[in-house]
Structure formats: C-alpha cells, structure tokens
Amino acid sequence: THLIDKIGVDKFVIHGESIGGMAASGAARKLSSRKDVDANMMPISYPTLLLCDRTFCNLTAVAQRLVGNWTGSIIPLITPSWNTDVAGDFAYAKCKKVIAQDAADAIIHDSASLKKGISTAKEITKGLTKGVGQVDETPILHRMTDYEDVGVLESKIISSHHLMKMRAPVWPADKHFEVNEAFHFAACVRRIGKVSTNIRKKKLFNSTRDMSYDEEEGIEITAIFSRDKDDDDLNEDDGGSVDAIIKIWESLARCDGLTGMPLGAAIKEGQDCVVDWLSNLVTLGCQTVAISAENRLRRENNGAGYATFNDFVVE
C-alpha cells in the first residue's frame, strides 16, 4: 500500500518464487480487494499482474511429499499463525494471474504445486482449497486389487456390489469427475502398465534364454513371471492382443495433455499422483488452449462463426 498511497505507483507486477509465492498471493489478494478509482472515476485494480513462480498450494503438502506423511500433523503446530493456503489466496485475488510451474522441481513435488491445488479445487473440491495437495490414501478397493495383482474387475476379495458402483462419467450429466472415479482410472492405467511391462520382460527373457552367462553375471528373471500367472497366459501366440496391450501402454505413458508430466511418470509416483494428473488435464490441459484460441478468433471476427480444425493445425 505504501507504493500506491505514498509514491503513486499505479501499475506493478507482484512476483513470488517458491515460498515467496505465499507472500505474493497474500499481498495480491489484499490489494485487489481495494476499491480505488482514477481521476476519471474509473475503477483501478491492483496489482497489474500476479506471477507465482514454482510455488506450492500449501506448506503441509510440500512437507508431506518432501519429508513424509507424518509432517501433516506437525506443520500446523509449528506455524499456527501462518496462512499457508496459497491456492486460496491465488484463487481469490481479483487481478490477472499467471502460474509458472516445473513438474520436475526437486523441492516442490508436482502434486504439491500451486497448479495442482487450483485444478483440484476447481474439479474435485468445489472451490475449496483447504488441504488440497496433501497425500490422499488410495481406496481399499484399489489397494487390494494391487495386492492380488489383478485387474479392478477381477478381484476375489472385493465384493461385487462395490464393483457395480463403478462407472465412467458421462457428459453432460457429469460435468466433474469424482475422486473414486479418478482412482478407478488410476488403477486401470497402472494395471495396463504392469501387464505391458511383464510382457516386455517375458519377451526379453525368451530372446535371451539361449544365451550363456557367467555365474556371477547371470540374471534371474523367471521369478518375475512365476507370481503373475494371469499375465503368463499372454504369450506370443496371442499375437495381436499382446502387441495391442504394449501399444496402448506406450500411448498412455506418453500422454502429457500440457500438464507438464507424462502419465507414465505420474503412475510411478503413485495412484494419488495420477488423480492429480487427471485434475490438471481436465482443468488446465490442451482443451483450454483450444477454447481460448477459438474465443480469440471469434472476437477478431466480431462473433461471426466458429473456429475450424484447420485454425489449430501447427506445421
């Protein structure tokens, strides 16, 4: 407020990097709530731009991903007077805003990033930002199927009435997906990845079993398949089905959707990270770029007509 009231600065950018994003978002939210007018009695909004650079959605989420889940109950005790809800301040700041994020940041995990907090609040928690980004426990249904090493619909432990509740979201009746639907998606993708990996390892084993190895340099790969009998049934005689699974996984693993992280990398981080990836995809993914481009073209044409596919082709 000193810059505005005493010095007379009317245009400025607030930039916060890492933990500085917490102060930047809080300042922007407070300044944007002011009701100022210029000499012509036109409303003025401050700041001109808020830029949060590689920051987090809240401090607890960062600590859990960086140190361990146990910090979730410790951080509030050592920072009782701190407002670390960066996602909330960022969302309520009434100014132009930019998020710059690095999915491979060494300190702030992608699932604890401001980008993730905003997308989760918009897609899952109905605008609530408190607690977003913190580690979510995988539902028992999907933990048990992972333990059994079978697909979600093949579990012998989970009763059938739980499985009957699972269904895919249908547009436009379901404008947002639910958490259990997102975890179901994560479990299915993880299963496809495991089956594809086992098929690849089996092919490698079959191609090298006739080769000789020194005793000290030998490899023991048969154990990989002895515990996964269902996947052993998928052999080279299945032809197209085996190749199809591998191709499906290759496509899924490389899917990025402008989230900053391939789906295959998110799977390695855990099923809750896949839920975060999915939230980022539907909230900040490539479709938002296409919609913005279409709206821009419509404004340039004074509202006449819609953009076609050819308007978005990149050569």
C-alpha atoms as a PDB file:
ATOM      1  CA  THR A   1       0.000   0.000   0.000  1.00  0.00           C
ATOM      2  CA  HIS A   2       2.980   2.336   0.501  1.00  0.00           C
ATOM      3  CA  LEU A   3       3.784   2.172  -3.230  1.00  0.00           C
ATOM      4  CA  ILE A   4       0.195   3.035  -4.114  1.00  0.00           C
ATOM      5  CA  ASP A   5      -0.694   5.635  -1.495  1.00  0.00           C
ATOM      6  CA  LYS A   6       2.646   7.375  -0.912  1.00  0.00           C
ATOM      7  CA  ILE A   7       4.636   7.009  -4.122  1.00  0.00           C
ATOM      8  CA  GLY A   8       1.718   6.871  -6.547  1.00  0.00           C
ATOM      9  CA  VAL A   9       2.601   3.700  -8.441  1.00  0.00           C
ATOM     10  CA  ASP A  10      -0.484   2.594 -10.368  1.00  0.00           C
ATOM     11  CA  LYS A  11       0.884  -0.301 -12.421  1.00  0.00           C
ATOM     12  CA  PHE A  12       3.095  -3.013 -10.994  1.00  0.00           C
ATOM     13  CA  VAL A  13       3.638  -6.778 -11.050  1.00  0.00           C
ATOM     14  CA  ILE A  14       3.889  -8.944  -7.949  1.00  0.00           C
ATOM     15  CA  HIS A  15       6.226 -11.881  -8.487  1.00  0.00           C
ATOM     16  CA  GLY A  16       6.833 -14.615  -5.943  1.00  0.00           C
ATOM     17  CA  GLU A  17       9.133 -17.603  -6.335  1.00  0.00           C
ATOM     18  CA  SER A  18       8.896 -20.769  -4.222  1.00  0.00           C
ATOM     19  CA  ILE A  19       7.935 -19.759  -0.662  1.00  0.00           C
ATOM     20  CA  GLY A  20       7.785 -16.170  -1.921  1.00  0.00           C
ATOM     21  CA  GLY A  21       4.637 -17.168  -3.779  1.00  0.00           C
ATOM     22  CA  MET A  22       2.867 -17.400  -0.425  1.00  0.00           C
ATOM     23  CA  ALA A  23       3.605 -13.726   0.322  1.00  0.00           C
ATOM     24  CA  ALA A  24       2.894 -12.675  -3.272  1.00  0.00           C
ATOM     25  CA  SER A  25      -0.532 -14.366  -3.354  1.00  0.00           C
ATOM     26  CA  GLY A  26      -1.499 -12.956   0.038  1.00  0.00           C
ATOM     27  CA  ALA A  27      -0.469  -9.436  -0.958  1.00  0.00           C
ATOM     28  CA  ALA A  28      -2.291  -9.655  -4.293  1.00  0.00           C
ATOM     29  CA  ARG A  29      -5.483 -10.854  -2.627  1.00  0.00           C
ATOM     30  CA  LYS A  30      -5.414  -7.982  -0.131  1.00  0.00           C
ATOM     31  CA  LEU A  31      -4.551  -5.302  -2.701  1.00  0.00           C
ATOM     32  CA  SER A  32      -7.123  -6.500  -5.220  1.00  0.00           C
ATOM     33  CA  SER A  33      -9.868  -6.050  -2.614  1.00  0.00           C
ATOM     34  CA  ARG A  34      -9.247  -2.282  -2.513  1.00  0.00           C
ATOM     35  CA  LYS A  35     -11.818  -0.060  -4.175  1.00  0.00           C
ATOM     36  CA  ASP A  36      -9.731   2.637  -5.908  1.00  0.00           C
ATOM     37  CA  VAL A  37     -10.662   4.912  -8.810  1.00  0.00           C
ATOM     38  CA  ASP A  38      -8.618   7.105 -11.143  1.00  0.00           C
ATOM     39  CA  ALA A  39      -9.083  10.795 -11.983  1.00  0.00           C
ATOM     40  CA  ASN A  40     -11.978   9.925 -14.290  1.00  0.00           C
ATOM     41  CA  MET A  41     -13.668   7.918 -11.539  1.00  0.00           C
ATOM     42  CA  MET A  42     -12.926   4.678 -13.324  1.00  0.00           C
ATOM     43  CA  PRO A  43     -12.136   1.669 -11.106  1.00  0.00           C
ATOM     44  CA  ILE A  44      -8.498   0.658 -10.767  1.00  0.00           C
ATOM     45  CA  SER A  45      -7.410  -2.846  -9.819  1.00  0.00           C
ATOM     46  CA  TYR A  46      -4.123  -3.744  -8.154  1.00  0.00           C
ATOM     47  CA  PRO A  47      -1.784  -5.364  -8.925  1.00  0.00           C
ATOM     48  CA  THR A  48      -1.476  -5.309 -12.709  1.00  0.00           C
ATOM     49  CA  LEU A  49      -0.325  -8.932 -12.686  1.00  0.00           C
ATOM     50  CA  LEU A  50       0.341 -11.670 -10.136  1.00  0.00           C
ATOM     51  CA  LEU A  51       3.046 -14.155 -11.119  1.00  0.00           C
ATOM     52  CA  CYS A  52       3.601 -17.200  -8.904  1.00  0.00           C
ATOM     53  CA  ASP A  53       6.769 -18.962  -9.990  1.00  0.00           C
ATOM     54  CA  ARG A  54       7.283 -22.599  -8.916  1.00  0.00           C
ATOM     55  CA  THR A  55       5.389 -22.268  -5.686  1.00  0.00           C
ATOM     56  CA  PHE A  56       3.173 -24.597  -3.661  1.00  0.00           C
ATOM     57  CA  CYS A  57      -0.536 -24.839  -2.863  1.00  0.00           C
ATOM     58  CA  ASN A  58       0.092 -25.076   0.901  1.00  0.00           C
ATOM     59  CA  LEU A  59       3.080 -25.740   3.138  1.00  0.00           C
ATOM     60  CA  THR A  60       1.771 -29.012   4.562  1.00  0.00           C
ATOM     61  CA  ALA A  61       1.536 -30.569   1.107  1.00  0.00           C
ATOM     62  CA  VAL A  62       5.172 -29.695   0.382  1.00  0.00           C
ATOM     63  CA  ALA A  63       6.384 -31.190   3.667  1.00  0.00           C
ATOM     64  CA  GLN A  64       4.431 -34.424   3.179  1.00  0.00           C
ATOM     65  CA  ARG A  65       5.834 -35.007  -0.290  1.00  0.00           C
ATOM     66  CA  LEU A  66       9.366 -33.938   0.607  1.00  0.00           C
ATOM     67  CA  VAL A  67       9.809 -35.412   4.109  1.00  0.00           C
ATOM     68  CA  GLY A  68       6.935 -37.791   4.883  1.00  0.00           C
ATOM     69  CA  ASN A  69       3.236 -38.098   5.694  1.00  0.00           C
ATOM     70  CA  TRP A  70       3.891 -37.628   9.408  1.00  0.00           C
ATOM     71  CA  THR A  71       4.626 -33.934   8.827  1.00  0.00           C
ATOM     72  CA  GLY A  72       0.941 -33.372   8.058  1.00  0.00           C
ATOM     73  CA  SER A  73       0.213 -33.077  11.785  1.00  0.00           C
ATOM     74  CA  ILE A  74       3.446 -31.270  12.651  1.00  0.00           C
ATOM     75  CA  ILE A  75       3.413 -28.286  10.282  1.00  0.00           C
ATOM     76  CA  PRO A  76       0.188 -26.758  11.708  1.00  0.00           C
ATOM     77  CA  LEU A  77       1.708 -26.967  15.206  1.00  0.00           C
ATOM     78  CA  ILE A  78       4.896 -25.085  14.353  1.00  0.00           C
ATOM     79  CA  THR A  79       3.188 -22.497  12.125  1.00  0.00           C
ATOM     80  CA  PRO A  80      -0.088 -21.813  13.999  1.00  0.00           C
ATOM     81  CA  SER A  81      -0.346 -18.159  12.899  1.00  0.00           C
ATOM     82  CA  TRP A  82       0.703 -18.681   9.287  1.00  0.00           C
ATOM     83  CA  ASN A  83      -1.774 -18.674   6.437  1.00  0.00           C
ATOM     84  CA  THR A  84      -0.129 -21.090   4.011  1.00  0.00           C
ATOM     85  CA  ASP A  85      -3.190 -21.560   1.790  1.00  0.00           C
ATOM     86  CA  VAL A  86      -1.503 -20.164  -1.300  1.00  0.00           C
ATOM     87  CA  ALA A  87      -4.096 -21.724  -3.600  1.00  0.00           C
ATOM     88  CA  GLY A  88      -6.903 -19.901  -1.777  1.00  0.00           C
ATOM     89  CA  ASP A  89      -5.179 -16.513  -1.909  1.00  0.00           C
ATOM     90  CA  PHE A  90      -4.311 -17.006  -5.569  1.00  0.00           C
ATOM     91  CA  ALA A  91      -7.855 -18.005  -6.477  1.00  0.00           C
ATOM     92  CA  TYR A  92      -9.453 -15.031  -4.704  1.00  0.00           C
ATOM     93  CA  ALA A  93      -7.012 -12.401  -6.000  1.00  0.00           C
ATOM     94  CA  LYS A  94      -9.026 -10.202  -8.396  1.00  0.00           C
ATOM     95  CA  CYS A  95      -6.334  -9.469 -10.962  1.00  0.00           C
ATOM     96  CA  LYS A  96      -4.645 -11.081 -13.933  1.00  0.00           C
ATOM     97  CA  LYS A  97      -2.714 -14.139 -12.774  1.00  0.00           C
ATOM     98  CA  VAL A  98      -0.035 -16.469 -14.124  1.00  0.00           C
ATOM     99  CA  ILE A  99       1.241 -19.765 -12.710  1.00  0.00           C
ATOM    100  CA  ALA A 100       4.737 -20.913 -13.725  1.00  0.00           C
ATOM    101  CA  GLN A 101       5.410 -24.485 -12.648  1.00  0.00           C
ATOM    102  CA  ASP A 102       8.101 -27.136 -13.106  1.00  0.00           C
ATOM    103  CA  ALA A 103       6.750 -30.680 -12.821  1.00  0.00           C
ATOM    104  CA  ALA A 104      10.284 -31.943 -12.121  1.00  0.00           C
ATOM    105  CA  ASP A 105      11.029 -29.451  -9.328  1.00  0.00           C
ATOM    106  CA  ALA A 106      13.427 -31.012  -6.803  1.00  0.00           C
ATOM    107  CA  ILE A 107      11.767 -29.395  -3.764  1.00  0.00           C
ATOM    108  CA  ILE A 108       8.101 -28.777  -4.593  1.00  0.00           C
ATOM    109  CA  HIS A 109       6.509 -32.000  -5.826  1.00  0.00           C
ATOM    110  CA  ASP A 110       4.139 -31.594  -8.741  1.00  0.00           C
ATOM    111  CA  SER A 111       1.262 -32.869  -6.585  1.00  0.00           C
ATOM    112  CA  ALA A 112       2.002 -30.141  -4.019  1.00  0.00           C
ATOM    113  CA  SER A 113       2.300 -27.358  -6.593  1.00  0.00           C
ATOM    114  CA  LEU A 114       0.018 -24.367  -6.902  1.00  0.00           C
ATOM    115  CA  LYS A 115      -1.058 -25.644 -10.305  1.00  0.00           C
ATOM    116  CA  LYS A 116      -2.303 -28.848  -8.719  1.00  0.00           C
ATOM    117  CA  GLY A 117      -4.068 -27.023  -5.885  1.00  0.00           C
ATOM    118  CA  ILE A 118      -6.005 -24.803  -8.267  1.00  0.00           C
ATOM    119  CA  SER A 119      -7.017 -27.673 -10.566  1.00  0.00           C
ATOM    120  CA  THR A 120      -8.114 -29.896  -7.660  1.00  0.00           C
ATOM    121  CA  ALA A 121     -10.180 -27.108  -6.123  1.00  0.00           C
ATOM    122  CA  LYS A 122     -11.905 -26.453  -9.438  1.00  0.00           C
ATOM    123  CA  GLU A 123     -12.539 -30.062 -10.411  1.00  0.00           C
ATOM    124  CA  ILE A 124     -12.958 -32.066  -7.181  1.00  0.00           C
ATOM    125  CA  THR A 125     -13.464 -29.966  -4.037  1.00  0.00           C
ATOM    126  CA  LYS A 126     -15.986 -27.484  -5.460  1.00  0.00           C
ATOM    127  CA  GLY A 127     -13.735 -24.461  -4.993  1.00  0.00           C
ATOM    128  CA  LEU A 128     -12.433 -25.348  -1.523  1.00  0.00           C
ATOM    129  CA  THR A 129      -8.649 -25.028  -1.320  1.00  0.00           C
ATOM    130  CA  LYS A 130      -8.018 -26.032   2.285  1.00  0.00           C
ATOM    131  CA  GLY A 131      -5.992 -29.238   2.423  1.00  0.00           C
ATOM    132  CA  VAL A 132      -5.570 -29.675  -1.326  1.00  0.00           C
ATOM    133  CA  GLY A 133      -2.272 -31.193  -2.394  1.00  0.00           C
ATOM    134  CA  GLN A 134      -1.860 -33.284   0.729  1.00  0.00           C
ATOM    135  CA  VAL A 135      -1.285 -37.011   0.344  1.00  0.00           C
ATOM    136  CA  ASP A 136      -4.506 -38.950  -0.313  1.00  0.00           C
ATOM    137  CA  GLU A 137      -4.713 -42.584   0.717  1.00  0.00           C
ATOM    138  CA  THR A 138      -5.591 -44.959  -2.101  1.00  0.00           C
ATOM    139  CA  PRO A 139      -9.036 -46.542  -1.531  1.00  0.00           C
ATOM    140  CA  ILE A 140      -9.011 -50.071  -0.111  1.00  0.00           C
ATOM    141  CA  LEU A 141     -10.628 -51.423  -3.289  1.00  0.00           C
ATOM    142  CA  HIS A 142      -7.659 -50.464  -5.428  1.00  0.00           C
ATOM    143  CA  ARG A 143      -5.068 -51.362  -2.803  1.00  0.00           C
ATOM    144  CA  MET A 144      -6.468 -54.890  -2.584  1.00  0.00           C
ATOM    145  CA  THR A 145      -6.565 -55.391  -6.347  1.00  0.00           C
ATOM    146  CA  ASP A 146      -2.968 -54.225  -6.477  1.00  0.00           C
ATOM    147  CA  TYR A 147      -2.129 -56.708  -3.724  1.00  0.00           C
ATOM    148  CA  GLU A 148      -3.868 -59.506  -5.631  1.00  0.00           C
ATOM    149  CA  ASP A 149      -2.070 -58.357  -8.787  1.00  0.00           C
ATOM    150  CA  VAL A 150      -5.270 -58.467 -10.852  1.00  0.00           C
ATOM    151  CA  GLY A 151      -7.480 -56.017 -12.669  1.00  0.00           C
ATOM    152  CA  VAL A 152     -10.084 -54.000 -10.785  1.00  0.00           C
ATOM    153  CA  LEU A 153     -12.952 -56.161 -12.068  1.00  0.00           C
ATOM    154  CA  GLU A 154     -11.126 -59.442 -11.332  1.00  0.00           C
ATOM    155  CA  SER A 155     -10.705 -59.098  -7.564  1.00  0.00           C
ATOM    156  CA  LYS A 156     -11.697 -62.100  -5.427  1.00  0.00           C
ATOM    157  CA  ILE A 157     -11.552 -60.126  -2.184  1.00  0.00           C
ATOM    158  CA  ILE A 158     -13.749 -57.141  -3.015  1.00  0.00           C
ATOM    159  CA  SER A 159     -17.465 -57.943  -3.160  1.00  0.00           C
ATOM    160  CA  SER A 160     -19.320 -57.467  -6.434  1.00  0.00           C
ATOM    161  CA  HIS A 161     -21.638 -54.694  -5.186  1.00  0.00           C
ATOM    162  CA  HIS A 162     -18.612 -52.406  -4.768  1.00  0.00           C
ATOM    163  CA  LEU A 163     -17.597 -53.053  -8.358  1.00  0.00           C
ATOM    164  CA  MET A 164     -21.106 -52.403  -9.670  1.00  0.00           C
ATOM    165  CA  LYS A 165     -20.927 -48.838  -8.343  1.00  0.00           C
ATOM    166  CA  MET A 166     -18.033 -48.013 -10.653  1.00  0.00           C
ATOM    167  CA  ARG A 167     -18.938 -46.318 -13.905  1.00  0.00           C
ATOM    168  CA  ALA A 168     -17.367 -43.865 -16.283  1.00  0.00           C
ATOM    169  CA  PRO A 169     -18.506 -40.204 -16.162  1.00  0.00           C
ATOM    170  CA  VAL A 170     -20.991 -39.317 -18.913  1.00  0.00           C
ATOM    171  CA  TRP A 171     -21.116 -35.866 -20.484  1.00  0.00           C
ATOM    172  CA  PRO A 172     -23.062 -33.629 -19.975  1.00  0.00           C
ATOM    173  CA  ALA A 173     -24.715 -35.231 -16.941  1.00  0.00           C
ATOM    174  CA  ASP A 174     -21.347 -35.455 -15.151  1.00  0.00           C
ATOM    175  CA  LYS A 175     -19.562 -32.140 -15.585  1.00  0.00           C
ATOM    176  CA  HIS A 176     -16.928 -33.117 -12.991  1.00  0.00           C
ATOM    177  CA  PHE A 177     -15.433 -36.465 -12.087  1.00  0.00           C
ATOM    178  CA  GLU A 178     -15.459 -37.799  -8.532  1.00  0.00           C
ATOM    179  CA  VAL A 179     -12.476 -38.971  -6.512  1.00  0.00           C
ATOM    180  CA  ASN A 180     -13.446 -42.659  -6.669  1.00  0.00           C
ATOM    181  CA  GLU A 181     -13.776 -42.412 -10.450  1.00  0.00           C
ATOM    182  CA  ALA A 182     -10.324 -40.847 -10.689  1.00  0.00           C
ATOM    183  CA  PHE A 183      -8.784 -43.605  -8.538  1.00  0.00           C
ATOM    184  CA  HIS A 184     -10.519 -46.201 -10.701  1.00  0.00           C
ATOM    185  CA  PHE A 185      -8.889 -44.620 -13.751  1.00  0.00           C
ATOM    186  CA  ALA A 186      -5.514 -44.646 -11.976  1.00  0.00           C
ATOM    187  CA  ALA A 187      -5.861 -48.325 -11.041  1.00  0.00           C
ATOM    188  CA  CYS A 188      -6.779 -49.304 -14.607  1.00  0.00           C
ATOM    189  CA  VAL A 189      -3.852 -47.399 -16.104  1.00  0.00           C
ATOM    190  CA  ARG A 190      -1.483 -48.889 -13.527  1.00  0.00           C
ATOM    191  CA  ARG A 191      -2.713 -52.392 -14.362  1.00  0.00           C
ATOM    192  CA  ILE A 192      -2.184 -51.840 -18.094  1.00  0.00           C
ATOM    193  CA  GLY A 193       1.340 -50.638 -17.358  1.00  0.00           C
ATOM    194  CA  LYS A 194       2.161 -53.665 -15.192  1.00  0.00           C
ATOM    195  CA  VAL A 195       0.830 -56.142 -17.757  1.00  0.00           C
ATOM    196  CA  SER A 196       2.695 -54.398 -20.580  1.00  0.00           C
ATOM    197  CA  THR A 197       5.931 -54.372 -18.590  1.00  0.00           C
ATOM    198  CA  ASN A 198       5.625 -58.072 -17.760  1.00  0.00           C
ATOM    199  CA  ILE A 199       5.024 -58.885 -21.425  1.00  0.00           C
ATOM    200  CA  ARG A 200       8.128 -56.940 -22.405  1.00  0.00           C
ATOM    201  CA  LYS A 201      10.199 -58.703 -19.745  1.00  0.00           C
ATOM    202  CA  LYS A 202       8.906 -62.068 -20.877  1.00  0.00           C
ATOM    203  CA  LYS A 203       9.860 -61.277 -24.461  1.00  0.00           C
ATOM    204  CA  LEU A 204      13.308 -60.246 -23.265  1.00  0.00           C
ATOM    205  CA  PHE A 205      13.641 -63.461 -21.288  1.00  0.00           C
ATOM    206  CA  ASN A 206      12.576 -65.604 -24.246  1.00  0.00           C
ATOM    207  CA  SER A 207      15.016 -63.810 -26.532  1.00  0.00           C
ATOM    208  CA  THR A 208      17.956 -64.275 -24.144  1.00  0.00           C
ATOM    209  CA  ARG A 209      17.302 -67.675 -22.533  1.00  0.00           C
ATOM    210  CA  ASP A 210      19.518 -69.459 -25.056  1.00  0.00           C
ATOM    211  CA  MET A 211      22.408 -67.098 -24.326  1.00  0.00           C
ATOM    212  CA  SER A 212      25.131 -68.147 -21.888  1.00  0.00           C
ATOM    213  CA  TYR A 213      26.062 -66.019 -18.852  1.00  0.00           C
ATOM    214  CA  ASP A 214      28.858 -66.222 -16.342  1.00  0.00           C
ATOM    215  CA  GLU A 215      27.613 -67.472 -12.986  1.00  0.00           C
ATOM    216  CA  GLU A 216      28.368 -64.178 -11.248  1.00  0.00           C
ATOM    217  CA  GLU A 217      26.788 -62.139 -14.020  1.00  0.00           C
ATOM    218  CA  GLY A 218      23.708 -64.302 -14.525  1.00  0.00           C
ATOM    219  CA  ILE A 219      20.209 -62.842 -14.400  1.00  0.00           C
ATOM    220  CA  GLU A 220      17.191 -64.271 -12.629  1.00  0.00           C
ATOM    221  CA  ILE A 221      14.153 -63.112 -14.478  1.00  0.00           C
ATOM    222  CA  THR A 222      11.913 -66.188 -14.204  1.00  0.00           C
ATOM    223  CA  ALA A 223      10.722 -65.039 -10.766  1.00  0.00           C
ATOM    224  CA  ILE A 224       9.068 -62.060 -12.394  1.00  0.00           C
ATOM    225  CA  PHE A 225       6.560 -64.308 -14.145  1.00  0.00           C
ATOM    226  CA  SER A 226       6.070 -67.016 -11.532  1.00  0.00           C
ATOM    227  CA  ARG A 227       3.991 -64.642  -9.388  1.00  0.00           C
ATOM    228  CA  ASP A 228       1.849 -63.377 -12.243  1.00  0.00           C
ATOM    229  CA  LYS A 229       0.159 -66.374 -13.816  1.00  0.00           C
ATOM    230  CA  ASP A 230      -2.583 -64.336 -15.468  1.00  0.00           C
ATOM    231  CA  ASP A 231      -0.030 -62.338 -17.411  1.00  0.00           C
ATOM    232  CA  ASP A 232       1.851 -65.506 -18.389  1.00  0.00           C
ATOM    233  CA  ASP A 233      -1.212 -66.538 -20.374  1.00  0.00           C
ATOM    234  CA  LEU A 234      -0.497 -63.628 -22.697  1.00  0.00           C
ATOM    235  CA  ASN A 235       2.260 -65.176 -24.791  1.00  0.00           C
ATOM    236  CA  GLU A 236       3.495 -64.690 -28.304  1.00  0.00           C
ATOM    237  CA  ASP A 237       0.746 -66.981 -29.616  1.00  0.00           C
ATOM    238  CA  ASP A 238      -1.824 -64.352 -28.698  1.00  0.00           C
ATOM    239  CA  GLY A 239      -0.374 -62.198 -31.448  1.00  0.00           C
ATOM    240  CA  GLY A 240      -2.404 -59.051 -31.801  1.00  0.00           C
ATOM    241  CA  SER A 241      -3.639 -58.893 -28.197  1.00  0.00           C
ATOM    242  CA  VAL A 242      -0.096 -58.799 -26.830  1.00  0.00           C
ATOM    243  CA  ASP A 243       1.021 -56.122 -29.260  1.00  0.00           C
ATOM    244  CA  ALA A 244      -2.165 -54.155 -28.618  1.00  0.00           C
ATOM    245  CA  ILE A 245      -1.515 -54.007 -24.861  1.00  0.00           C
ATOM    246  CA  ILE A 246       2.023 -52.778 -25.444  1.00  0.00           C
ATOM    247  CA  LYS A 247       0.861 -50.126 -27.912  1.00  0.00           C
ATOM    248  CA  ILE A 248      -1.925 -48.979 -25.577  1.00  0.00           C
ATOM    249  CA  TRP A 249       0.548 -48.550 -22.734  1.00  0.00           C
ATOM    250  CA  GLU A 250       3.012 -46.699 -24.950  1.00  0.00           C
ATOM    251  CA  SER A 251       0.287 -44.235 -25.904  1.00  0.00           C
ATOM    252  CA  LEU A 252      -0.955 -43.805 -22.336  1.00  0.00           C
ATOM    253  CA  ALA A 253       2.515 -43.459 -20.828  1.00  0.00           C
ATOM    254  CA  ARG A 254       3.442 -40.693 -23.270  1.00  0.00           C
ATOM    255  CA  CYS A 255       0.195 -38.770 -22.840  1.00  0.00           C
ATOM    256  CA  ASP A 256       1.025 -35.339 -21.470  1.00  0.00           C
ATOM    257  CA  GLY A 257      -2.004 -33.126 -22.131  1.00  0.00           C
ATOM    258  CA  LEU A 258       0.043 -29.992 -21.346  1.00  0.00           C
ATOM    259  CA  THR A 259       0.155 -30.963 -17.665  1.00  0.00           C
ATOM    260  CA  GLY A 260       3.968 -30.877 -17.580  1.00  0.00           C
ATOM    261  CA  MET A 261       4.275 -34.584 -16.741  1.00  0.00           C
ATOM    262  CA  PRO A 262       3.622 -37.719 -18.849  1.00  0.00           C
ATOM    263  CA  LEU A 263       1.046 -40.117 -17.459  1.00  0.00           C
ATOM    264  CA  GLY A 264       3.691 -42.841 -17.236  1.00  0.00           C
ATOM    265  CA  ALA A 265       5.769 -40.697 -14.865  1.00  0.00           C
ATOM    266  CA  ALA A 266       2.697 -39.944 -12.731  1.00  0.00           C
ATOM    267  CA  ILE A 267       1.959 -43.675 -12.396  1.00  0.00           C
ATOM    268  CA  LYS A 268       5.413 -44.244 -10.897  1.00  0.00           C
ATOM    269  CA  GLU A 269       4.704 -41.602  -8.243  1.00  0.00           C
ATOM    270  CA  GLY A 270       1.527 -43.346  -7.029  1.00  0.00           C
ATOM    271  CA  GLN A 271      -2.178 -43.545  -7.752  1.00  0.00           C
ATOM    272  CA  ASP A 272      -2.939 -40.293  -5.920  1.00  0.00           C
ATOM    273  CA  CYS A 273      -0.489 -38.556  -8.263  1.00  0.00           C
ATOM    274  CA  VAL A 274      -2.473 -39.915 -11.218  1.00  0.00           C
ATOM    275  CA  VAL A 275      -5.592 -38.323  -9.718  1.00  0.00           C
ATOM    276  CA  ASP A 276      -3.660 -35.048  -9.560  1.00  0.00           C
ATOM    277  CA  TRP A 277      -2.519 -35.512 -13.170  1.00  0.00           C
ATOM    278  CA  LEU A 278      -6.115 -36.057 -14.257  1.00  0.00           C
ATOM    279  CA  SER A 279      -7.265 -32.913 -12.431  1.00  0.00           C
ATOM    280  CA  ASN A 280      -4.554 -30.898 -14.154  1.00  0.00           C
ATOM    281  CA  LEU A 281      -5.533 -32.366 -17.516  1.00  0.00           C
ATOM    282  CA  VAL A 282      -9.236 -31.514 -17.390  1.00  0.00           C
ATOM    283  CA  THR A 283      -8.663 -28.083 -15.814  1.00  0.00           C
ATOM    284  CA  LEU A 284      -5.513 -26.752 -17.466  1.00  0.00           C
ATOM    285  CA  GLY A 285      -4.996 -29.138 -20.379  1.00  0.00           C
ATOM    286  CA  CYS A 286      -4.777 -28.649 -24.111  1.00  0.00           C
ATOM    287  CA  GLN A 287      -8.525 -28.178 -24.484  1.00  0.00           C
ATOM    288  CA  THR A 288      -8.272 -24.879 -22.591  1.00  0.00           C
ATOM    289  CA  VAL A 289      -5.751 -23.660 -25.160  1.00  0.00           C
ATOM    290  CA  ALA A 290      -8.125 -24.598 -27.989  1.00  0.00           C
ATOM    291  CA  ILE A 291     -11.073 -22.894 -26.276  1.00  0.00           C
ATOM    292  CA  SER A 292      -9.055 -19.723 -25.700  1.00  0.00           C
ATOM    293  CA  ALA A 293      -7.904 -19.720 -29.314  1.00  0.00           C
ATOM    294  CA  GLU A 294     -11.478 -20.207 -30.518  1.00  0.00           C
ATOM    295  CA  ASN A 295     -12.739 -17.347 -28.353  1.00  0.00           C
ATOM    296  CA  ARG A 296      -9.942 -15.111 -29.587  1.00  0.00           C
ATOM    297  CA  LEU A 297     -10.735 -15.868 -33.224  1.00  0.00           C
ATOM    298  CA  ARG A 298     -14.416 -15.257 -32.578  1.00  0.00           C
ATOM    299  CA  ARG A 299     -13.660 -11.839 -31.091  1.00  0.00           C
ATOM    300  CA  GLU A 300     -11.425 -10.970 -34.036  1.00  0.00           C
ATOM    301  CA  ASN A 301     -14.263 -11.923 -36.380  1.00  0.00           C
ATOM    302  CA  ASN A 302     -16.725  -9.894 -34.335  1.00  0.00           C
ATOM    303  CA  GLY A 303     -18.548 -13.016 -33.224  1.00  0.00           C
ATOM    304  CA  ALA A 304     -19.072 -14.329 -36.759  1.00  0.00           C
ATOM    305  CA  GLY A 305     -18.727 -18.105 -36.935  1.00  0.00           C
ATOM    306  CA  TYR A 306     -16.634 -20.595 -35.064  1.00  0.00           C
ATOM    307  CA  ALA A 307     -13.060 -21.759 -35.478  1.00  0.00           C
ATOM    308  CA  THR A 308     -12.449 -24.893 -37.503  1.00  0.00           C
ATOM    309  CA  PHE A 309      -9.874 -27.654 -37.084  1.00  0.00           C
ATOM    310  CA  ASN A 310      -7.631 -26.012 -39.682  1.00  0.00           C
ATOM    311  CA  ASP A 311      -7.305 -22.940 -37.458  1.00  0.00           C
ATOM    312  CA  PHE A 312      -5.399 -25.002 -34.867  1.00  0.00           C
ATOM    313  CA  VAL A 313      -3.098 -27.036 -37.100  1.00  0.00           C
ATOM    314  CA  VAL A 314       0.562 -26.442 -36.213  1.00  0.00           C
ATOM    315  CA  GLU A 315       3.011 -27.086 -39.025  1.00  0.00           C
END
